[in-house]
Protein backbone atom coordinates (compact mmCIF):
# COMPACT_ATOMS: atom_id res chain seq x y z
CA UNK A 1 0.00 0.00 0.00
CA UNK A 2 1.05 3.47 -0.73
CA UNK A 3 1.02 6.35 1.81
CA UNK A 4 -1.39 9.14 0.98
CA UNK A 5 0.55 12.32 0.08
CA UNK A 6 -2.48 14.12 -1.22
CA UNK A 7 -3.73 17.66 -0.72
CA UNK A 8 -4.47 17.50 3.06
CA UNK A 9 -0.86 16.60 3.89
CA UNK A 10 0.51 19.17 1.45
CA UNK A 11 -1.70 21.88 2.96
CA UNK A 12 -0.44 21.02 6.44
CA UNK A 13 3.18 21.27 5.27
CA UNK A 14 2.54 24.67 3.65
CA UNK A 15 0.85 25.94 6.80
CA UNK A 16 3.76 24.76 8.94
CA UNK A 17 6.35 26.36 6.65
CA UNK A 18 4.37 29.61 6.54
CA UNK A 19 4.11 29.73 10.33
CA UNK A 20 7.82 29.05 10.70
CA UNK A 21 8.70 31.81 8.23
CA UNK A 22 6.41 34.27 10.04
CA UNK A 23 7.93 33.42 13.41
CA UNK A 24 11.49 33.83 12.09
CA UNK A 25 10.55 37.16 10.51
CA UNK A 26 9.11 38.45 13.79
CA UNK A 27 12.13 37.33 15.78
CA UNK A 28 14.65 38.80 13.34
CA UNK A 29 12.86 42.11 12.75
CA UNK A 30 11.60 42.81 16.24
CA UNK A 31 14.67 42.00 18.34
CA UNK A 32 16.17 44.86 20.30
CA UNK A 33 19.07 42.95 21.80
CA UNK A 34 21.15 44.59 24.55
CA UNK A 35 24.37 44.01 22.60
CA UNK A 36 23.24 45.69 19.36
CA UNK A 37 25.82 48.27 18.34
CA UNK A 38 28.25 47.13 21.05
CA UNK A 39 31.54 45.33 20.87
CA UNK A 40 32.66 42.79 23.42
CA UNK A 41 36.40 42.68 24.12
CA UNK A 42 38.25 39.88 25.88
CA UNK A 43 41.26 40.57 28.10
CA UNK A 44 43.24 37.60 29.40
CA UNK A 45 46.73 36.78 30.65
CA UNK A 46 48.11 37.65 27.18
CA UNK A 47 46.81 41.23 27.67
CA UNK A 48 49.11 41.74 30.68
CA UNK A 49 50.96 45.05 30.42
CA UNK A 50 49.28 46.08 27.17
CA UNK A 51 46.93 48.96 26.38
CA UNK A 52 43.45 47.87 25.32
CA UNK A 53 41.21 50.19 23.32
CA UNK A 54 37.41 50.19 23.54
CA UNK A 55 34.56 52.57 22.81
CA UNK A 56 31.99 54.00 25.18
CA UNK A 57 29.18 51.45 25.51
CA UNK A 58 31.41 48.45 24.77
CA UNK A 59 31.87 45.56 27.15
CA UNK A 60 35.21 44.28 28.44
CA UNK A 61 35.39 40.68 29.65
CA UNK A 62 38.44 39.83 31.76
CA UNK A 63 39.28 36.12 31.85
CA UNK A 64 42.00 35.18 34.35
CA UNK A 65 43.35 31.80 35.53
CA UNK A 66 42.50 30.35 38.94
CA UNK A 67 43.75 27.35 40.88
CA UNK A 68 40.92 24.79 41.17
CA UNK A 69 39.97 24.28 44.82
CA UNK A 70 41.90 27.32 46.03
CA UNK A 71 40.35 29.83 48.44
CA UNK A 72 42.09 32.65 46.56
CA UNK A 73 40.04 35.20 44.59
CA UNK A 74 40.79 37.89 42.06
CA UNK A 75 40.28 41.43 43.41
CA UNK A 76 40.05 44.29 40.93
CA UNK A 77 40.95 47.96 41.14
CA UNK A 78 39.75 50.26 38.36
CA UNK A 79 38.36 53.78 37.93
CA UNK A 80 34.65 52.94 38.07
CA UNK A 81 33.73 56.23 36.39
CA UNK A 82 35.31 54.81 33.22
CA UNK A 83 34.80 51.06 33.62
CA UNK A 84 31.87 49.79 35.66
CA UNK A 85 31.93 46.23 36.92
CA UNK A 86 28.86 44.16 36.07
CA UNK A 87 27.95 41.48 38.56
CA UNK A 88 30.09 38.85 40.19
CA UNK A 89 33.04 36.86 38.90
CA UNK A 90 31.86 33.76 37.03
CA UNK A 91 33.89 30.58 37.25
CA UNK A 92 34.23 29.01 33.82
CA UNK A 93 33.54 25.33 33.09
CA UNK A 94 36.43 23.19 34.27
CA UNK A 95 37.24 25.63 37.08
CA UNK A 96 40.49 26.86 35.55
CA UNK A 97 39.50 30.49 34.95
CA UNK A 98 37.14 33.18 36.13
CA UNK A 99 35.45 35.91 34.08
CA UNK A 100 34.56 39.40 35.21
CA UNK A 101 32.65 41.81 32.96
CA UNK A 102 32.98 45.59 32.82
CA UNK A 103 30.99 48.22 30.89
CA UNK A 104 32.90 51.07 29.25
CA UNK A 105 30.89 53.96 30.72
CA UNK A 106 32.69 57.03 29.42
CA UNK A 107 35.78 58.17 27.55
CA UNK A 108 39.05 58.11 29.45
CA UNK A 109 42.05 56.04 30.43
CA UNK A 110 42.24 53.76 33.45
CA UNK A 111 44.54 51.10 34.79
CA UNK A 112 42.84 47.79 35.43
CA UNK A 113 44.78 46.04 38.17
CA UNK A 114 43.93 42.74 39.79
CA UNK A 115 45.50 40.63 42.50
CA UNK A 116 44.87 36.95 43.22
CA UNK A 117 45.05 36.27 46.95
CA UNK A 118 43.31 34.47 49.80
CA UNK A 119 42.33 37.74 51.52
CA UNK A 120 42.58 41.50 51.02
CA UNK A 121 45.56 41.68 53.37
CA UNK A 122 47.43 38.59 52.15
CA UNK A 123 50.28 38.95 49.66
CA UNK A 124 49.09 38.23 46.10
CA UNK A 125 49.80 34.86 44.54
CA UNK A 126 49.44 36.49 41.10
CA UNK A 127 48.86 39.96 39.71
CA UNK A 128 47.40 41.30 36.48
CA UNK A 129 47.65 44.83 35.13
CA UNK A 130 46.59 46.42 31.87
CA UNK A 131 45.61 49.89 30.71
CA UNK A 132 42.18 50.46 29.16
CA UNK A 133 41.56 53.41 26.89
CA UNK A 134 37.88 54.14 26.27
CA UNK A 135 37.21 56.44 23.30
C-alpha atoms as a PDB file:
ATOM      1  CA  UNK A   1       0.000   0.000   0.000  1.00  0.00           C
ATOM      2  CA  UNK A   2       1.048   3.474  -0.731  1.00  0.00           C
ATOM      3  CA  UNK A   3       1.023   6.354   1.812  1.00  0.00           C
ATOM      4  CA  UNK A   4      -1.389   9.137   0.978  1.00  0.00           C
ATOM      5  CA  UNK A   5       0.548  12.323   0.083  1.00  0.00           C
ATOM      6  CA  UNK A   6      -2.476  14.120  -1.216  1.00  0.00           C
ATOM      7  CA  UNK A   7      -3.735  17.662  -0.722  1.00  0.00           C
ATOM      8  CA  UNK A   8      -4.472  17.504   3.065  1.00  0.00           C
ATOM      9  CA  UNK A   9      -0.863  16.597   3.889  1.00  0.00           C
ATOM     10  CA  UNK A  10       0.512  19.168   1.446  1.00  0.00           C
ATOM     11  CA  UNK A  11      -1.698  21.884   2.959  1.00  0.00           C
ATOM     12  CA  UNK A  12      -0.443  21.024   6.437  1.00  0.00           C
ATOM     13  CA  UNK A  13       3.185  21.267   5.267  1.00  0.00           C
ATOM     14  CA  UNK A  14       2.542  24.666   3.646  1.00  0.00           C
ATOM     15  CA  UNK A  15       0.852  25.945   6.803  1.00  0.00           C
ATOM     16  CA  UNK A  16       3.761  24.755   8.942  1.00  0.00           C
ATOM     17  CA  UNK A  17       6.349  26.362   6.648  1.00  0.00           C
ATOM     18  CA  UNK A  18       4.370  29.605   6.540  1.00  0.00           C
ATOM     19  CA  UNK A  19       4.105  29.733  10.332  1.00  0.00           C
ATOM     20  CA  UNK A  20       7.817  29.053  10.697  1.00  0.00           C
ATOM     21  CA  UNK A  21       8.698  31.813   8.227  1.00  0.00           C
ATOM     22  CA  UNK A  22       6.410  34.270  10.039  1.00  0.00           C
ATOM     23  CA  UNK A  23       7.926  33.419  13.412  1.00  0.00           C
ATOM     24  CA  UNK A  24      11.487  33.831  12.089  1.00  0.00           C
ATOM     25  CA  UNK A  25      10.547  37.157  10.510  1.00  0.00           C
ATOM     26  CA  UNK A  26       9.106  38.453  13.787  1.00  0.00           C
ATOM     27  CA  UNK A  27      12.130  37.334  15.779  1.00  0.00           C
ATOM     28  CA  UNK A  28      14.651  38.802  13.344  1.00  0.00           C
ATOM     29  CA  UNK A  29      12.864  42.106  12.752  1.00  0.00           C
ATOM     30  CA  UNK A  30      11.602  42.806  16.243  1.00  0.00           C
ATOM     31  CA  UNK A  31      14.668  42.003  18.343  1.00  0.00           C
ATOM     32  CA  UNK A  32      16.174  44.863  20.297  1.00  0.00           C
ATOM     33  CA  UNK A  33      19.068  42.950  21.800  1.00  0.00           C
ATOM     34  CA  UNK A  34      21.152  44.589  24.551  1.00  0.00           C
ATOM     35  CA  UNK A  35      24.373  44.006  22.602  1.00  0.00           C
ATOM     36  CA  UNK A  36      23.242  45.691  19.363  1.00  0.00           C
ATOM     37  CA  UNK A  37      25.818  48.266  18.342  1.00  0.00           C
ATOM     38  CA  UNK A  38      28.250  47.133  21.054  1.00  0.00           C
ATOM     39  CA  UNK A  39      31.541  45.328  20.865  1.00  0.00           C
ATOM     40  CA  UNK A  40      32.661  42.786  23.420  1.00  0.00           C
ATOM     41  CA  UNK A  41      36.404  42.680  24.124  1.00  0.00           C
ATOM     42  CA  UNK A  42      38.249  39.883  25.880  1.00  0.00           C
ATOM     43  CA  UNK A  43      41.262  40.566  28.100  1.00  0.00           C
ATOM     44  CA  UNK A  44      43.237  37.601  29.403  1.00  0.00           C
ATOM     45  CA  UNK A  45      46.730  36.779  30.649  1.00  0.00           C
ATOM     46  CA  UNK A  46      48.105  37.652  27.181  1.00  0.00           C
ATOM     47  CA  UNK A  47      46.808  41.231  27.675  1.00  0.00           C
ATOM     48  CA  UNK A  48      49.105  41.736  30.680  1.00  0.00           C
ATOM     49  CA  UNK A  49      50.957  45.055  30.418  1.00  0.00           C
ATOM     50  CA  UNK A  50      49.279  46.081  27.167  1.00  0.00           C
ATOM     51  CA  UNK A  51      46.933  48.960  26.380  1.00  0.00           C
ATOM     52  CA  UNK A  52      43.446  47.869  25.324  1.00  0.00           C
ATOM     53  CA  UNK A  53      41.212  50.185  23.325  1.00  0.00           C
ATOM     54  CA  UNK A  54      37.413  50.187  23.538  1.00  0.00           C
ATOM     55  CA  UNK A  55      34.558  52.566  22.814  1.00  0.00           C
ATOM     56  CA  UNK A  56      31.994  54.002  25.180  1.00  0.00           C
ATOM     57  CA  UNK A  57      29.182  51.455  25.507  1.00  0.00           C
ATOM     58  CA  UNK A  58      31.408  48.450  24.767  1.00  0.00           C
ATOM     59  CA  UNK A  59      31.869  45.561  27.147  1.00  0.00           C
ATOM     60  CA  UNK A  60      35.209  44.282  28.442  1.00  0.00           C
ATOM     61  CA  UNK A  61      35.391  40.682  29.655  1.00  0.00           C
ATOM     62  CA  UNK A  62      38.439  39.828  31.764  1.00  0.00           C
ATOM     63  CA  UNK A  63      39.278  36.119  31.851  1.00  0.00           C
ATOM     64  CA  UNK A  64      41.998  35.177  34.349  1.00  0.00           C
ATOM     65  CA  UNK A  65      43.346  31.804  35.529  1.00  0.00           C
ATOM     66  CA  UNK A  66      42.502  30.354  38.941  1.00  0.00           C
ATOM     67  CA  UNK A  67      43.752  27.349  40.884  1.00  0.00           C
ATOM     68  CA  UNK A  68      40.920  24.786  41.172  1.00  0.00           C
ATOM     69  CA  UNK A  69      39.967  24.282  44.816  1.00  0.00           C
ATOM     70  CA  UNK A  70      41.900  27.324  46.031  1.00  0.00           C
ATOM     71  CA  UNK A  71      40.346  29.829  48.437  1.00  0.00           C
ATOM     72  CA  UNK A  72      42.093  32.654  46.558  1.00  0.00           C
ATOM     73  CA  UNK A  73      40.036  35.200  44.589  1.00  0.00           C
ATOM     74  CA  UNK A  74      40.785  37.894  42.058  1.00  0.00           C
ATOM     75  CA  UNK A  75      40.285  41.427  43.410  1.00  0.00           C
ATOM     76  CA  UNK A  76      40.052  44.286  40.927  1.00  0.00           C
ATOM     77  CA  UNK A  77      40.955  47.960  41.144  1.00  0.00           C
ATOM     78  CA  UNK A  78      39.745  50.264  38.365  1.00  0.00           C
ATOM     79  CA  UNK A  79      38.363  53.784  37.927  1.00  0.00           C
ATOM     80  CA  UNK A  80      34.651  52.939  38.066  1.00  0.00           C
ATOM     81  CA  UNK A  81      33.734  56.228  36.394  1.00  0.00           C
ATOM     82  CA  UNK A  82      35.311  54.813  33.221  1.00  0.00           C
ATOM     83  CA  UNK A  83      34.800  51.058  33.625  1.00  0.00           C
ATOM     84  CA  UNK A  84      31.869  49.790  35.657  1.00  0.00           C
ATOM     85  CA  UNK A  85      31.935  46.229  36.924  1.00  0.00           C
ATOM     86  CA  UNK A  86      28.859  44.162  36.067  1.00  0.00           C
ATOM     87  CA  UNK A  87      27.949  41.480  38.561  1.00  0.00           C
ATOM     88  CA  UNK A  88      30.093  38.850  40.194  1.00  0.00           C
ATOM     89  CA  UNK A  89      33.039  36.855  38.895  1.00  0.00           C
ATOM     90  CA  UNK A  90      31.859  33.761  37.028  1.00  0.00           C
ATOM     91  CA  UNK A  91      33.894  30.584  37.252  1.00  0.00           C
ATOM     92  CA  UNK A  92      34.232  29.012  33.823  1.00  0.00           C
ATOM     93  CA  UNK A  93      33.545  25.326  33.091  1.00  0.00           C
ATOM     94  CA  UNK A  94      36.431  23.194  34.268  1.00  0.00           C
ATOM     95  CA  UNK A  95      37.237  25.634  37.081  1.00  0.00           C
ATOM     96  CA  UNK A  96      40.494  26.861  35.548  1.00  0.00           C
ATOM     97  CA  UNK A  97      39.498  30.487  34.947  1.00  0.00           C
ATOM     98  CA  UNK A  98      37.136  33.181  36.128  1.00  0.00           C
ATOM     99  CA  UNK A  99      35.447  35.911  34.082  1.00  0.00           C
ATOM    100  CA  UNK A 100      34.557  39.400  35.211  1.00  0.00           C
ATOM    101  CA  UNK A 101      32.653  41.807  32.965  1.00  0.00           C
ATOM    102  CA  UNK A 102      32.980  45.591  32.819  1.00  0.00           C
ATOM    103  CA  UNK A 103      30.991  48.223  30.889  1.00  0.00           C
ATOM    104  CA  UNK A 104      32.896  51.069  29.246  1.00  0.00           C
ATOM    105  CA  UNK A 105      30.887  53.959  30.717  1.00  0.00           C
ATOM    106  CA  UNK A 106      32.693  57.034  29.417  1.00  0.00           C
ATOM    107  CA  UNK A 107      35.778  58.165  27.552  1.00  0.00           C
ATOM    108  CA  UNK A 108      39.046  58.112  29.450  1.00  0.00           C
ATOM    109  CA  UNK A 109      42.053  56.041  30.427  1.00  0.00           C
ATOM    110  CA  UNK A 110      42.242  53.758  33.449  1.00  0.00           C
ATOM    111  CA  UNK A 111      44.541  51.097  34.787  1.00  0.00           C
ATOM    112  CA  UNK A 112      42.838  47.790  35.428  1.00  0.00           C
ATOM    113  CA  UNK A 113      44.784  46.043  38.171  1.00  0.00           C
ATOM    114  CA  UNK A 114      43.933  42.738  39.794  1.00  0.00           C
ATOM    115  CA  UNK A 115      45.502  40.627  42.497  1.00  0.00           C
ATOM    116  CA  UNK A 116      44.871  36.953  43.222  1.00  0.00           C
ATOM    117  CA  UNK A 117      45.052  36.274  46.951  1.00  0.00           C
ATOM    118  CA  UNK A 118      43.305  34.466  49.797  1.00  0.00           C
ATOM    119  CA  UNK A 119      42.331  37.739  51.520  1.00  0.00           C
ATOM    120  CA  UNK A 120      42.577  41.497  51.025  1.00  0.00           C
ATOM    121  CA  UNK A 121      45.563  41.684  53.370  1.00  0.00           C
ATOM    122  CA  UNK A 122      47.425  38.585  52.148  1.00  0.00           C
ATOM    123  CA  UNK A 123      50.277  38.948  49.657  1.00  0.00           C
ATOM    124  CA  UNK A 124      49.093  38.228  46.099  1.00  0.00           C
ATOM    125  CA  UNK A 125      49.802  34.862  44.544  1.00  0.00           C
ATOM    126  CA  UNK A 126      49.443  36.488  41.101  1.00  0.00           C
ATOM    127  CA  UNK A 127      48.856  39.955  39.706  1.00  0.00           C
ATOM    128  CA  UNK A 128      47.399  41.302  36.477  1.00  0.00           C
ATOM    129  CA  UNK A 129      47.648  44.832  35.134  1.00  0.00           C
ATOM    130  CA  UNK A 130      46.590  46.421  31.868  1.00  0.00           C
ATOM    131  CA  UNK A 131      45.606  49.892  30.708  1.00  0.00           C
ATOM    132  CA  UNK A 132      42.180  50.457  29.162  1.00  0.00           C
ATOM    133  CA  UNK A 133      41.564  53.410  26.890  1.00  0.00           C
ATOM    134  CA  UNK A 134      37.882  54.141  26.266  1.00  0.00           C
ATOM    135  CA  UNK A 135      37.207  56.438  23.299  1.00  0.00           C
END
